[in-house]
Amino acid sequence: MFSTSRNEKMVEVLTGAERRRRRTPQEKITIVQQTESPRLL
């Protein structure tokens, strides 16, 4: 039986020879700033 909750999150499983994305230092800074900012609902 499966639980259905609003707290569940989707997860994508990558298989095969997919490669990690290479990000520039500026892209990394932008991503960190976005995760630290308060989210609007």
PDB file of N, CA and C in Angstrom:
ATOM      1  N   MET A   1       0.857  -1.179   0.000  1.00  0.00           N
ATOM      2  CA  MET A   1       0.000   0.000   0.000  1.00  0.00           C
ATOM      3  C   MET A   1       0.898   1.236   0.000  1.00  0.00           C
ATOM      4  N   PHE A   2       0.476   2.253  -0.731  1.00  0.00           N
ATOM      5  CA  PHE A   2       1.259   3.475  -0.847  1.00  0.00           C
ATOM      6  C   PHE A   2       0.646   4.585  -0.015  1.00  0.00           C
ATOM      7  N   SER A   3       1.499   5.362   0.599  1.00  0.00           N
ATOM      8  CA  SER A   3       1.066   6.519   1.370  1.00  0.00           C
ATOM      9  C   SER A   3       0.994   7.724   0.444  1.00  0.00           C
ATOM     10  N   THR A   4      -0.058   8.497   0.561  1.00  0.00           N
ATOM     11  CA  THR A   4      -0.154   9.729  -0.231  1.00  0.00           C
ATOM     12  C   THR A   4      -0.156  10.901   0.725  1.00  0.00           C
ATOM     13  N   SER A   5       0.897  11.663   0.668  1.00  0.00           N
ATOM     14  CA  SER A   5       1.076  12.795   1.556  1.00  0.00           C
ATOM     15  C   SER A   5       1.548  13.982   0.747  1.00  0.00           C
ATOM     16  N   ARG A   6       1.191  15.170   1.175  1.00  0.00           N
ATOM     17  CA  ARG A   6       1.639  16.372   0.476  1.00  0.00           C
ATOM     18  C   ARG A   6       3.128  16.620   0.675  1.00  0.00           C
ATOM     19  N   ASN A   7       3.730  15.954   1.642  1.00  0.00           N
ATOM     20  CA  ASN A   7       5.150  16.152   1.921  1.00  0.00           C
ATOM     21  C   ASN A   7       6.055  15.302   1.032  1.00  0.00           C
ATOM     22  N   GLU A   8       5.461  14.409   0.236  1.00  0.00           N
ATOM     23  CA  GLU A   8       6.270  13.553  -0.622  1.00  0.00           C
ATOM     24  C   GLU A   8       6.861  14.363  -1.759  1.00  0.00           C
ATOM     25  N   LYS A   9       8.071  14.009  -2.161  1.00  0.00           N
ATOM     26  CA  LYS A   9       8.758  14.706  -3.240  1.00  0.00           C
ATOM     27  C   LYS A   9       9.074  13.713  -4.348  1.00  0.00           C
ATOM     28  N   MET A  10       9.109  14.207  -5.572  1.00  0.00           N
ATOM     29  CA  MET A  10       9.458  13.367  -6.716  1.00  0.00           C
ATOM     30  C   MET A  10      10.974  13.218  -6.776  1.00  0.00           C
ATOM     31  N   VAL A  11      11.424  12.037  -7.145  1.00  0.00           N
ATOM     32  CA  VAL A  11      12.847  11.770  -7.309  1.00  0.00           C
ATOM     33  C   VAL A  11      13.040  11.149  -8.681  1.00  0.00           C
ATOM     34  N   GLU A  12      14.002  11.652  -9.424  1.00  0.00           N
ATOM     35  CA  GLU A  12      14.306  11.098 -10.739  1.00  0.00           C
ATOM     36  C   GLU A  12      15.569  10.255 -10.626  1.00  0.00           C
ATOM     37  N   VAL A  13      15.487   9.018 -11.084  1.00  0.00           N
ATOM     38  CA  VAL A  13      16.633   8.120 -11.054  1.00  0.00           C
ATOM     39  C   VAL A  13      17.262   8.120 -12.436  1.00  0.00           C
ATOM     40  N   LEU A  14      18.528   8.511 -12.493  1.00  0.00           N
ATOM     41  CA  LEU A  14      19.238   8.555 -13.766  1.00  0.00           C
ATOM     42  C   LEU A  14      19.979   7.243 -13.970  1.00  0.00           C
ATOM     43  N   THR A  15      19.778   6.651 -15.123  1.00  0.00           N
ATOM     44  CA  THR A  15      20.489   5.422 -15.454  1.00  0.00           C
ATOM     45  C   THR A  15      21.233   5.627 -16.760  1.00  0.00           C
ATOM     46  N   GLY A  16      22.242   4.862 -16.969  1.00  0.00           N
ATOM     47  CA  GLY A  16      22.978   4.968 -18.226  1.00  0.00           C
ATOM     48  C   GLY A  16      24.189   5.866 -18.087  1.00  0.00           C
ATOM     49  N   ALA A  17      24.655   6.350 -19.224  1.00  0.00           N
ATOM     50  CA  ALA A  17      25.910   7.099 -19.280  1.00  0.00           C
ATOM     51  C   ALA A  17      25.686   8.603 -19.278  1.00  0.00           C
ATOM     52  N   GLU A  18      24.740   9.076 -18.497  1.00  0.00           N
ATOM     53  CA  GLU A  18      24.498  10.517 -18.439  1.00  0.00           C
ATOM     54  C   GLU A  18      25.620  11.187 -17.653  1.00  0.00           C
ATOM     55  N   ARG A  19      25.959  12.374 -18.058  1.00  0.00           N
ATOM     56  CA  ARG A  19      27.066  13.092 -17.423  1.00  0.00           C
ATOM     57  C   ARG A  19      26.539  14.232 -16.560  1.00  0.00           C
ATOM     58  N   ARG A  20      27.335  14.568 -15.544  1.00  0.00           N
ATOM     59  CA  ARG A  20      26.986  15.699 -14.684  1.00  0.00           C
ATOM     60  C   ARG A  20      27.189  16.989 -15.443  1.00  0.00           C
ATOM     61  N   ARG A  21      26.336  17.960 -15.142  1.00  0.00           N
ATOM     62  CA  ARG A  21      26.460  19.257 -15.789  1.00  0.00           C
ATOM     63  C   ARG A  21      27.603  20.035 -15.152  1.00  0.00           C
ATOM     64  N   ARG A  22      28.389  20.677 -15.965  1.00  0.00           N
ATOM     65  CA  ARG A  22      29.468  21.532 -15.465  1.00  0.00           C
ATOM     66  C   ARG A  22      28.957  22.959 -15.429  1.00  0.00           C
ATOM     67  N   ARG A  23      29.029  23.559 -14.251  1.00  0.00           N
ATOM     68  CA  ARG A  23      28.530  24.925 -14.077  1.00  0.00           C
ATOM     69  C   ARG A  23      29.692  25.878 -13.839  1.00  0.00           C
ATOM     70  N   THR A  24      29.490  27.111 -14.292  1.00  0.00           N
ATOM     71  CA  THR A  24      30.494  28.144 -14.053  1.00  0.00           C
ATOM     72  C   THR A  24      30.398  28.580 -12.589  1.00  0.00           C
ATOM     73  N   PRO A  25      31.452  29.199 -12.063  1.00  0.00           N
ATOM     74  CA  PRO A  25      31.380  29.703 -10.683  1.00  0.00           C
ATOM     75  C   PRO A  25      30.196  30.657 -10.479  1.00  0.00           C
ATOM     76  N   GLN A  26      29.885  31.495 -11.464  1.00  0.00           N
ATOM     77  CA  GLN A  26      28.759  32.424 -11.319  1.00  0.00           C
ATOM     78  C   GLN A  26      27.433  31.671 -11.254  1.00  0.00           C
ATOM     79  N   GLU A  27      27.282  30.612 -12.045  1.00  0.00           N
ATOM     80  CA  GLU A  27      26.058  29.807 -11.988  1.00  0.00           C
ATOM     81  C   GLU A  27      25.910  29.165 -10.612  1.00  0.00           C
ATOM     82  N   LYS A  28      26.996  28.694 -10.039  1.00  0.00           N
ATOM     83  CA  LYS A  28      26.956  28.084  -8.707  1.00  0.00           C
ATOM     84  C   LYS A  28      26.544  29.100  -7.650  1.00  0.00           C
ATOM     85  N   ILE A  29      27.082  30.304  -7.737  1.00  0.00           N
ATOM     86  CA  ILE A  29      26.726  31.369  -6.792  1.00  0.00           C
ATOM     87  C   ILE A  29      25.238  31.681  -6.892  1.00  0.00           C
ATOM     88  N   THR A  30      24.728  31.773  -8.111  1.00  0.00           N
ATOM     89  CA  THR A  30      23.306  32.067  -8.325  1.00  0.00           C
ATOM     90  C   THR A  30      22.431  30.976  -7.717  1.00  0.00           C
ATOM     91  N   ILE A  31      22.801  29.722  -7.899  1.00  0.00           N
ATOM     92  CA  ILE A  31      22.021  28.606  -7.352  1.00  0.00           C
ATOM     93  C   ILE A  31      21.996  28.672  -5.831  1.00  0.00           C
ATOM     94  N   VAL A  32      23.138  28.934  -5.212  1.00  0.00           N
ATOM     95  CA  VAL A  32      23.198  29.025  -3.749  1.00  0.00           C
ATOM     96  C   VAL A  32      22.347  30.183  -3.251  1.00  0.00           C
ATOM     97  N   GLN A  33      22.412  31.327  -3.925  1.00  0.00           N
ATOM     98  CA  GLN A  33      21.608  32.484  -3.518  1.00  0.00           C
ATOM     99  C   GLN A  33      20.116  32.168  -3.616  1.00  0.00           C
ATOM    100  N   GLN A  34      19.711  31.443  -4.636  1.00  0.00           N
ATOM    101  CA  GLN A  34      18.301  31.087  -4.797  1.00  0.00           C
ATOM    102  C   GLN A  34      17.839  30.153  -3.689  1.00  0.00           C
ATOM    103  N   THR A  35      18.699  29.234  -3.256  1.00  0.00           N
ATOM    104  CA  THR A  35      18.295  28.304  -2.203  1.00  0.00           C
ATOM    105  C   THR A  35      18.252  28.975  -0.839  1.00  0.00           C
ATOM    106  N   GLU A  36      19.006  30.056  -0.662  1.00  0.00           N
ATOM    107  CA  GLU A  36      19.027  30.751   0.626  1.00  0.00           C
ATOM    108  C   GLU A  36      17.948  31.817   0.736  1.00  0.00           C
ATOM    109  N   SER A  37      17.336  32.206  -0.370  1.00  0.00           N
ATOM    110  CA  SER A  37      16.311  33.245  -0.327  1.00  0.00           C
ATOM    111  C   SER A  37      14.983  32.645   0.121  1.00  0.00           C
ATOM    112  N   PRO A  38      14.151  33.428   0.817  1.00  0.00           N
ATOM    113  CA  PRO A  38      12.845  32.919   1.242  1.00  0.00           C
ATOM    114  C   PRO A  38      11.979  32.618   0.022  1.00  0.00           C
ATOM    115  N   ARG A  39      11.251  31.523   0.104  1.00  0.00           N
ATOM    116  CA  ARG A  39      10.405  31.124  -1.026  1.00  0.00           C
ATOM    117  C   ARG A  39       9.036  31.765  -0.920  1.00  0.00           C
ATOM    118  N   LEU A  40       8.525  32.176  -2.055  1.00  0.00           N
ATOM    119  CA  LEU A  40       7.182  32.736  -2.114  1.00  0.00           C
ATOM    120  C   LEU A  40       6.201  31.625  -2.434  1.00  0.00           C
ATOM    121  N   LEU A  41       5.097  31.585  -1.732  1.00  0.00           N
ATOM    122  CA  LEU A  41       4.087  30.545  -1.980  1.00  0.00           C
ATOM    123  C   LEU A  41       3.016  31.033  -2.899  1.00  0.00           C
TER     124      LEU A  41
END
